[in-house]
Amino acid sequence: MSYLEYTVKTTPSGLRKILYLNWPLALLLTAVAGVGFLMLYSVADGSFQPWGEAQMKRFGLGFALMIFVAMIPIYFWRNVALLAYLVALALLVAVEFFGAVGMGAQRWIDLGFIRLQPSELMKITLVMVLAAYYDWLSLARTSKPAFVLIPVALIMMPVFLVLKQPDLGTSILLLVAGAIMMFLAGVHWAYFAAVLAAGIGLITAVFQSRGTDWQLLADYQYRRIDTFLDPSTDPLGAGYHITQSKIALGSGGWTGRGFMQGTQSRLNFLPEKHTDFIFTTLAEEFGFLGAISLLALYGLIIVFCVASAMANRDRFSSLMILGVAATFFLFFAVNISMVMGLAPVVGVPLPLVSYGGSAMLILMIGFGLVQSAHVHRPR
C-alpha cells in the first residue's frame, strides 16, 4: 500500500475532524488576535470604530477559513500547490497593470469587497510549492546544482515582482522564508555560506565605495543608511518614526502607563499607531511585562507548530508546517526589530495584531494548512 493510499484510508471523517484539530494552537491564535482588538480599541480613543470592529469581523472570517481549510485532506493541498503558486504569481503580474495605488506603492488589487494584496498570498503559496517540490524530490538530489536552481527560480520570481511595487519588507520575507525552506529540506550548507559571503562582500563594497568614483549607491540612499544607524541625525525627517517609537517603548517601563494612557499614541506622536507601530503602543501602555507576554504567546504558537511537524511522518506536511511557522516568526521578528530600531523601517505588520485585511486572512489560511496537516496525519 502506498503512503497516499494509507493516508486516504486513515483520514478521519465527519465531525471527528473537528475533534482532531489542534485546539491549543487555535486558542493561542485567538488570544493574540484579542490583544490586537484591545490595542485597536485603545488607539481609537476607547472605540471599536474605525479599526477594532472591522478587525474582529476579519478575524472571525479568517477563523472560519482556517477551519474550512483544515477539513480538506492534506494531499489535496499538495496536489494544488503548484497551481496556487502560479495563481499568486499571475496576481503579482496583474498588480503591475491593474493594481491600486496606496501610500506611494502599487501593491493591491481592488476586488470590491476587499483589497487583496497578492504578495501576502505569495508568502503561503511559496511555502506550499517548495514543500511539494522537496516532497517530490529524492534526498539524494536535493543538493545537486540543477535541482537547487529550480527552487531558487521559484523564490526569485516573486521577489523581483514584489520589489518593483516597491515593497522591500515583503520581498525580504519571501527571500528569507524561501531560504529557510531550502535549508530545512536538506540543501547543503555550502550554498548558504556562499550566499552569505557574497552578501557580506556586497555590503562591504557599498560602504567602501562611498565618496569614490565607483560609488554604488546614490547620496540620498547613503543618507537613509546614516539615519537608520543614528536616527538623531534627522529627528524630524527620516528618523522621526523610529525616534517616536523608541520614546514610546522607553516610557512604558516595567508595567506601562496603563490601558489607554499612552501619551505617544493618544497625542498622535506615534506614526502608523494602528498598523506597523502598534507594538510600541502595547509596550507603552503595558510595559515590558505586556510586551514579553505577547512574545510568549508568539513563541508558544511556534512551539506547537514545530511539535506538530515533528509528529508528522509526511514530508510535505512537515515542511509546510515548518514553512508557515518560519513565515509567522519572520513577521513578528522583523516588525519588533523594526520598531526597536534594530532593523530598517520596511512596513511589515505585527501578525494578528496590526490592523489589516489581506495579511490576517492569508495568515489564517496558512494556519488552516497547518491544521489540515495535523488533522489528516496518519494515527
Protein backbone atom coordinates (compact mmCIF):
# COMPACT_ATOMS: atom_id res chain seq x y z
CA MET A 1 0.00 0.00 0.00
CA SER A 2 1.40 3.42 -0.97
CA TYR A 3 1.74 6.24 1.56
CA LEU A 4 -1.03 8.20 -0.22
CA GLU A 5 -3.39 5.20 -0.12
CA TYR A 6 -2.60 4.70 3.56
CA THR A 7 -3.25 8.38 4.27
CA VAL A 8 -6.58 8.31 2.44
CA LYS A 9 -7.60 5.13 4.26
CA THR A 10 -6.76 6.53 7.69
CA THR A 11 -8.21 10.01 7.10
CA PRO A 12 -10.85 10.86 9.75
CA SER A 13 -14.31 11.77 8.56
CA GLY A 14 -17.20 13.93 9.62
CA LEU A 15 -17.23 15.62 12.99
CA ARG A 16 -14.19 13.65 14.14
CA LYS A 17 -12.06 16.11 12.18
CA ILE A 18 -13.23 18.89 14.48
CA LEU A 19 -12.04 16.88 17.48
CA TYR A 20 -8.66 16.28 15.82
CA LEU A 21 -7.99 19.99 15.33
CA ASN A 22 -5.03 21.42 17.20
CA TRP A 23 -7.25 23.37 19.57
CA PRO A 24 -4.44 24.76 21.76
CA LEU A 25 -2.98 26.37 18.62
CA ALA A 26 -6.40 27.79 17.67
CA LEU A 27 -6.83 29.24 21.18
CA LEU A 28 -3.37 30.83 21.05
CA LEU A 29 -4.20 32.48 17.72
CA THR A 30 -7.43 33.80 19.23
CA ALA A 31 -5.56 35.14 22.26
CA VAL A 32 -3.10 37.04 20.07
CA ALA A 33 -5.95 38.44 17.98
CA GLY A 34 -7.65 39.50 21.24
CA VAL A 35 -4.57 41.53 22.13
CA GLY A 36 -4.92 43.22 18.74
CA PHE A 37 -8.59 44.07 19.37
CA LEU A 38 -7.66 45.58 22.73
CA MET A 39 -4.89 47.74 21.26
CA LEU A 40 -7.03 48.91 18.32
CA TYR A 41 -9.70 49.93 20.84
CA SER A 42 -7.05 51.90 22.73
CA VAL A 43 -5.53 53.74 19.76
CA ALA A 44 -9.04 54.74 18.64
CA ASP A 45 -9.53 56.56 21.98
CA GLY A 46 -11.83 53.97 23.50
CA SER A 47 -13.84 52.99 20.44
CA PHE A 48 -14.09 49.92 18.22
CA GLN A 49 -14.50 52.31 15.30
CA PRO A 50 -12.92 52.59 12.80
CA TRP A 51 -10.48 49.70 13.30
CA GLY A 52 -11.49 47.32 16.09
CA GLU A 53 -14.87 46.16 14.77
CA ALA A 54 -13.55 45.61 11.25
CA GLN A 55 -10.61 43.65 12.66
CA MET A 56 -12.95 41.41 14.67
CA LYS A 57 -15.01 40.62 11.58
CA ARG A 58 -11.89 39.81 9.61
CA PHE A 59 -10.59 37.50 12.31
CA GLY A 60 -13.97 35.76 12.50
CA LEU A 61 -13.85 35.21 8.75
CA GLY A 62 -10.22 34.13 8.98
CA PHE A 63 -11.00 31.63 11.75
CA ALA A 64 -13.82 30.16 9.64
CA LEU A 65 -11.43 29.90 6.67
CA MET A 66 -8.88 28.14 8.89
CA ILE A 67 -11.47 25.52 9.90
CA PHE A 68 -12.60 25.12 6.28
CA VAL A 69 -9.04 24.62 5.01
CA ALA A 70 -8.33 22.21 7.88
CA MET A 71 -11.25 19.97 6.87
CA ILE A 72 -9.79 19.36 3.39
CA PRO A 73 -7.31 16.44 3.22
CA ILE A 74 -3.67 17.46 3.12
CA TYR A 75 -2.97 15.53 -0.08
CA PHE A 76 -5.38 17.89 -1.88
CA TRP A 77 -3.26 20.87 -0.87
CA ARG A 78 -0.14 19.04 -2.04
CA ASN A 79 -1.73 18.46 -5.43
CA VAL A 80 -2.81 22.10 -5.92
CA ALA A 81 0.40 23.68 -4.55
CA LEU A 82 1.86 24.49 -7.96
CA LEU A 83 -1.46 25.85 -9.24
CA ALA A 84 -1.84 28.06 -6.15
CA TYR A 85 1.69 29.39 -6.65
CA LEU A 86 1.04 30.17 -10.33
CA VAL A 87 -2.21 31.98 -9.46
CA ALA A 88 -0.40 34.10 -6.87
CA LEU A 89 2.37 34.82 -9.39
CA ALA A 90 -0.21 35.84 -12.01
CA LEU A 91 -1.84 38.18 -9.48
CA LEU A 92 1.56 39.79 -8.79
CA VAL A 93 1.94 40.38 -12.53
CA ALA A 94 -1.61 41.78 -12.66
CA VAL A 95 -0.70 44.28 -9.93
CA GLU A 96 1.79 45.81 -12.38
CA PHE A 97 -1.03 46.66 -14.78
CA PHE A 98 -4.24 46.93 -12.73
CA GLY A 99 -3.04 47.41 -9.17
CA ALA A 100 -4.47 50.04 -6.84
CA VAL A 101 -2.01 52.62 -5.50
CA GLY A 102 -1.79 53.40 -1.80
CA MET A 103 0.83 55.25 0.26
CA GLY A 104 3.07 55.63 -2.78
CA ALA A 105 3.11 51.93 -3.67
CA GLN A 106 1.17 49.77 -6.10
CA ARG A 107 0.52 46.57 -4.14
CA TRP A 108 -3.22 45.86 -4.12
CA ILE A 109 -5.93 44.57 -6.42
CA ASP A 110 -9.34 46.02 -5.62
CA LEU A 111 -11.96 43.23 -5.67
CA GLY A 112 -14.75 45.48 -4.38
CA PHE A 113 -15.39 43.70 -1.08
CA ILE A 114 -11.68 43.56 -0.22
CA ARG A 115 -8.39 44.99 -1.42
CA LEU A 116 -6.27 41.90 -1.96
CA GLN A 117 -2.51 42.14 -1.58
CA PRO A 118 -1.14 39.30 -3.77
CA SER A 119 2.26 39.47 -2.10
CA GLU A 120 0.61 38.24 1.12
CA LEU A 121 -0.88 35.29 -0.75
CA MET A 122 2.54 34.52 -2.21
CA LYS A 123 4.01 34.07 1.29
CA ILE A 124 1.86 30.97 1.79
CA THR A 125 1.81 29.61 -1.76
CA LEU A 126 5.62 29.82 -1.93
CA VAL A 127 5.84 27.64 1.17
CA MET A 128 3.34 25.21 -0.37
CA VAL A 129 5.13 24.85 -3.71
CA LEU A 130 8.57 24.45 -2.12
CA ALA A 131 7.23 21.81 0.28
CA ALA A 132 5.61 19.97 -2.65
CA TYR A 133 8.83 20.21 -4.68
CA TYR A 134 11.01 18.75 -1.95
CA ASP A 135 8.38 16.11 -1.20
CA TRP A 136 8.68 15.02 -4.86
CA LEU A 137 12.48 15.31 -4.97
CA SER A 138 14.59 12.49 -3.55
CA LEU A 139 17.01 13.37 -0.76
CA ALA A 140 19.93 12.25 -2.89
CA ARG A 141 19.26 15.00 -5.45
CA THR A 142 18.42 17.80 -3.00
CA SER A 143 21.85 19.49 -3.15
CA LYS A 144 22.67 18.85 -6.81
CA PRO A 145 23.11 22.23 -8.62
CA ALA A 146 20.44 21.58 -11.25
CA PHE A 147 17.84 20.83 -8.57
CA VAL A 148 18.93 23.79 -6.44
CA LEU A 149 18.32 26.23 -9.29
CA ILE A 150 14.61 25.30 -9.56
CA PRO A 151 13.62 26.46 -6.04
CA VAL A 152 15.89 29.50 -6.42
CA ALA A 153 13.89 30.46 -9.52
CA LEU A 154 10.60 29.83 -7.70
CA ILE A 155 11.76 32.20 -4.96
CA MET A 156 13.34 34.94 -7.07
CA MET A 157 10.43 35.45 -9.49
CA PRO A 158 8.01 36.75 -6.82
CA VAL A 159 10.85 38.57 -5.01
CA PHE A 160 11.58 40.53 -8.20
CA LEU A 161 7.90 41.36 -8.78
CA VAL A 162 7.37 42.48 -5.17
CA LEU A 163 10.50 44.66 -5.26
CA LYS A 164 9.02 46.51 -8.24
CA GLN A 165 5.89 47.52 -6.29
CA PRO A 166 8.04 48.61 -4.28
CA ASP A 167 7.79 46.51 -1.11
CA LEU A 168 11.20 45.83 0.38
CA GLY A 169 9.86 44.28 3.59
CA THR A 170 7.75 41.60 1.89
CA SER A 171 10.47 40.80 -0.64
CA ILE A 172 12.92 40.21 2.23
CA LEU A 173 10.40 37.95 3.97
CA LEU A 174 9.87 35.92 0.79
CA LEU A 175 13.60 35.59 0.24
CA VAL A 176 14.41 34.53 3.80
CA ALA A 177 11.39 32.20 4.10
CA GLY A 178 12.38 30.51 0.84
CA ALA A 179 15.96 30.09 2.05
CA ILE A 180 14.71 28.57 5.32
CA MET A 181 12.58 26.09 3.37
CA MET A 182 15.60 25.05 1.30
CA PHE A 183 17.71 24.64 4.44
CA LEU A 184 15.02 22.56 6.18
CA ALA A 185 14.71 20.37 3.09
CA GLY A 186 18.37 19.45 3.38
CA VAL A 187 20.17 21.64 0.83
CA HIS A 188 23.90 21.60 1.64
CA TRP A 189 25.13 24.37 3.94
CA ALA A 190 27.85 25.37 1.45
CA TYR A 191 25.27 27.08 -0.77
CA PHE A 192 24.11 29.25 2.12
CA ALA A 193 27.70 30.01 3.16
CA ALA A 194 28.49 31.18 -0.37
CA VAL A 195 25.43 33.46 -0.47
CA LEU A 196 26.24 34.84 2.99
CA ALA A 197 29.84 35.55 1.99
CA ALA A 198 28.66 37.28 -1.19
CA GLY A 199 26.21 39.38 0.85
CA ILE A 200 28.89 40.45 3.31
CA GLY A 201 31.17 41.31 0.41
CA LEU A 202 28.46 43.40 -1.26
CA ILE A 203 27.70 45.32 1.96
CA THR A 204 31.41 45.98 2.47
CA ALA A 205 31.73 47.22 -1.11
CA VAL A 206 28.74 49.56 -0.65
CA PHE A 207 30.35 51.26 2.36
CA GLN A 208 33.85 51.29 0.87
CA SER A 209 32.61 52.90 -2.36
CA ARG A 210 31.12 55.95 -0.63
CA GLY A 211 32.70 59.15 -1.90
CA THR A 212 34.64 57.38 -4.65
CA ASP A 213 34.29 57.43 -8.42
CA TRP A 214 32.70 53.96 -8.30
CA GLN A 215 30.11 54.78 -5.61
CA LEU A 216 27.45 52.03 -5.69
CA LEU A 217 24.53 53.96 -4.16
CA ALA A 218 23.15 57.45 -4.60
CA ASP A 219 23.88 60.07 -1.94
CA TYR A 220 20.27 60.06 -0.66
CA GLN A 221 20.45 56.28 -0.16
CA TYR A 222 23.57 56.68 1.98
CA ARG A 223 21.74 59.32 3.99
CA ARG A 224 18.98 56.78 4.66
CA ILE A 225 21.59 54.36 5.95
CA ASP A 226 23.01 57.10 8.19
CA THR A 227 19.53 57.82 9.55
CA PHE A 228 18.92 54.14 10.28
CA LEU A 229 22.23 53.85 12.14
CA ASP A 230 21.63 57.13 14.00
CA PRO A 231 18.03 58.47 13.80
CA SER A 232 19.04 61.58 15.76
CA THR A 233 20.77 62.93 12.64
CA ASP A 234 17.32 63.68 11.19
CA PRO A 235 14.83 63.55 14.09
CA LEU A 236 12.08 65.47 12.28
CA GLY A 237 12.54 63.80 8.93
CA ALA A 238 13.55 60.26 8.05
CA GLY A 239 14.35 59.46 11.68
CA TYR A 240 11.02 60.70 13.08
CA HIS A 241 9.19 57.35 13.10
CA ILE A 242 11.86 55.39 14.91
CA THR A 243 12.62 58.25 17.32
CA GLN A 244 8.99 58.45 18.46
CA SER A 245 8.80 54.65 18.60
CA LYS A 246 11.80 54.47 20.94
CA ILE A 247 10.30 57.17 23.17
CA ALA A 248 7.09 55.12 23.46
CA LEU A 249 8.99 51.91 24.17
CA GLY A 250 11.14 53.51 26.84
CA SER A 251 8.33 55.39 28.58
CA GLY A 252 6.42 52.16 29.26
CA GLY A 253 8.93 50.92 31.82
CA TRP A 254 8.24 47.59 33.50
CA THR A 255 4.46 47.76 33.89
CA GLY A 256 3.44 50.55 31.50
CA ARG A 257 1.48 53.76 31.82
CA GLY A 258 -1.84 51.94 31.91
CA PHE A 259 -4.51 50.97 29.41
CA MET A 260 -5.39 53.94 27.15
CA GLN A 261 -2.85 56.11 28.98
CA GLY A 262 -0.09 56.08 26.36
CA THR A 263 0.82 59.67 25.51
CA GLN A 264 2.72 58.93 22.30
CA SER A 265 -0.23 57.22 20.66
CA ARG A 266 -3.07 59.27 22.14
CA LEU A 267 -1.38 62.57 21.20
CA ASN A 268 -0.61 61.20 17.71
CA PHE A 269 3.17 61.47 18.02
CA LEU A 270 3.43 57.80 17.09
CA PRO A 271 3.03 57.23 13.33
CA GLU A 272 1.01 54.29 11.94
CA LYS A 273 -0.07 53.52 15.50
CA HIS A 274 -2.75 51.04 14.37
CA THR A 275 -0.61 49.13 11.86
CA ASP A 276 3.18 48.82 11.76
CA PHE A 277 3.89 50.53 15.10
CA ILE A 278 1.13 49.01 17.22
CA PHE A 279 3.69 47.04 19.27
CA THR A 280 5.07 50.30 20.66
CA THR A 281 1.58 51.26 21.84
CA LEU A 282 1.35 47.93 23.65
CA ALA A 283 4.77 48.42 25.23
CA GLU A 284 3.94 51.97 26.33
CA GLU A 285 0.62 51.04 27.94
CA PHE A 286 1.55 47.64 29.41
CA GLY A 287 5.31 47.97 29.70
CA PHE A 288 7.95 45.28 29.44
CA LEU A 289 5.67 42.70 31.06
CA GLY A 290 2.93 43.26 28.49
CA ALA A 291 5.39 43.12 25.59
CA ILE A 292 7.07 39.94 26.81
CA SER A 293 3.65 38.33 27.35
CA LEU A 294 2.78 38.87 23.69
CA LEU A 295 6.16 37.45 22.68
CA ALA A 296 5.43 34.41 24.87
CA LEU A 297 2.16 33.83 23.01
CA TYR A 298 4.00 34.07 19.71
CA GLY A 299 6.64 31.67 21.00
CA LEU A 300 4.02 29.12 22.06
CA ILE A 301 2.45 29.23 18.59
CA ILE A 302 5.86 28.41 17.09
CA VAL A 303 6.37 25.59 19.63
CA PHE A 304 3.01 23.97 18.80
CA CYS A 305 3.75 24.19 15.07
CA VAL A 306 7.19 22.61 15.46
CA ALA A 307 5.76 19.85 17.68
CA SER A 308 3.09 19.13 15.06
CA ALA A 309 5.71 18.99 12.30
CA MET A 310 7.92 16.60 14.29
CA ALA A 311 4.98 14.28 14.96
CA ASN A 312 4.03 14.13 11.28
CA ARG A 313 5.54 11.38 9.12
CA ASP A 314 4.59 13.06 5.82
CA ARG A 315 7.49 15.06 4.36
CA PHE A 316 5.21 17.57 2.60
CA SER A 317 3.19 18.19 5.76
CA SER A 318 6.25 18.61 7.96
CA LEU A 319 7.98 21.02 5.58
CA MET A 320 4.81 23.03 5.04
CA ILE A 321 4.12 23.35 8.78
CA LEU A 322 7.69 24.49 9.43
CA GLY A 323 7.48 26.90 6.49
CA VAL A 324 4.30 28.52 7.81
CA ALA A 325 5.87 28.72 11.29
CA ALA A 326 9.02 30.31 9.84
CA THR A 327 6.96 32.85 7.90
CA PHE A 328 4.98 33.69 11.03
CA PHE A 329 8.20 34.06 13.02
CA LEU A 330 9.70 36.39 10.41
CA PHE A 331 6.57 38.54 10.54
CA PHE A 332 6.80 39.40 14.21
CA ALA A 333 10.62 39.27 14.44
CA VAL A 334 11.06 41.83 11.64
CA ASN A 335 8.24 44.06 12.93
CA ILE A 336 9.54 44.15 16.50
CA SER A 337 13.13 44.64 15.34
CA MET A 338 11.92 47.46 13.12
CA VAL A 339 10.08 49.40 15.84
CA MET A 340 13.04 48.94 18.22
CA GLY A 341 15.46 50.42 15.70
CA LEU A 342 17.30 47.13 15.15
CA ALA A 343 16.17 46.89 11.52
CA PRO A 344 15.16 49.45 8.87
CA VAL A 345 11.51 50.53 8.75
CA VAL A 346 10.23 48.34 5.90
CA GLY A 347 6.48 48.22 6.51
CA VAL A 348 5.94 44.72 7.95
CA PRO A 349 2.78 44.40 10.13
CA LEU A 350 2.64 42.66 13.51
CA PRO A 351 0.78 39.38 12.79
CA LEU A 352 -2.81 39.17 14.05
CA VAL A 353 -2.36 42.41 16.00
CA SER A 354 -1.83 45.14 13.39
CA TYR A 355 -4.91 46.38 11.54
CA GLY A 356 -5.18 44.84 8.08
CA GLY A 357 -7.27 42.55 5.93
CA SER A 358 -5.14 40.59 3.46
CA ALA A 359 -2.35 39.82 5.92
CA MET A 360 -4.72 38.41 8.57
CA LEU A 361 -6.85 36.35 6.19
CA ILE A 362 -3.87 34.84 4.37
CA LEU A 363 -2.11 34.07 7.65
CA MET A 364 -5.21 32.28 8.95
CA ILE A 365 -5.37 30.27 5.73
CA GLY A 366 -1.73 29.36 6.36
CA PHE A 367 -2.62 28.08 9.81
CA GLY A 368 -5.53 26.25 8.19
CA LEU A 369 -2.93 24.31 6.20
CA VAL A 370 -1.08 23.58 9.44
CA GLN A 371 -4.34 22.31 10.93
CA SER A 372 -5.07 20.19 7.84
CA ALA A 373 -1.69 18.51 8.16
CA HIS A 374 -2.39 17.92 11.87
CA VAL A 375 -5.91 16.58 11.36
CA HIS A 376 -5.08 14.24 8.48
CA ARG A 377 -1.77 12.83 9.68
CA PRO A 378 -1.71 9.03 9.98
CA ARG A 379 -2.55 7.90 13.50
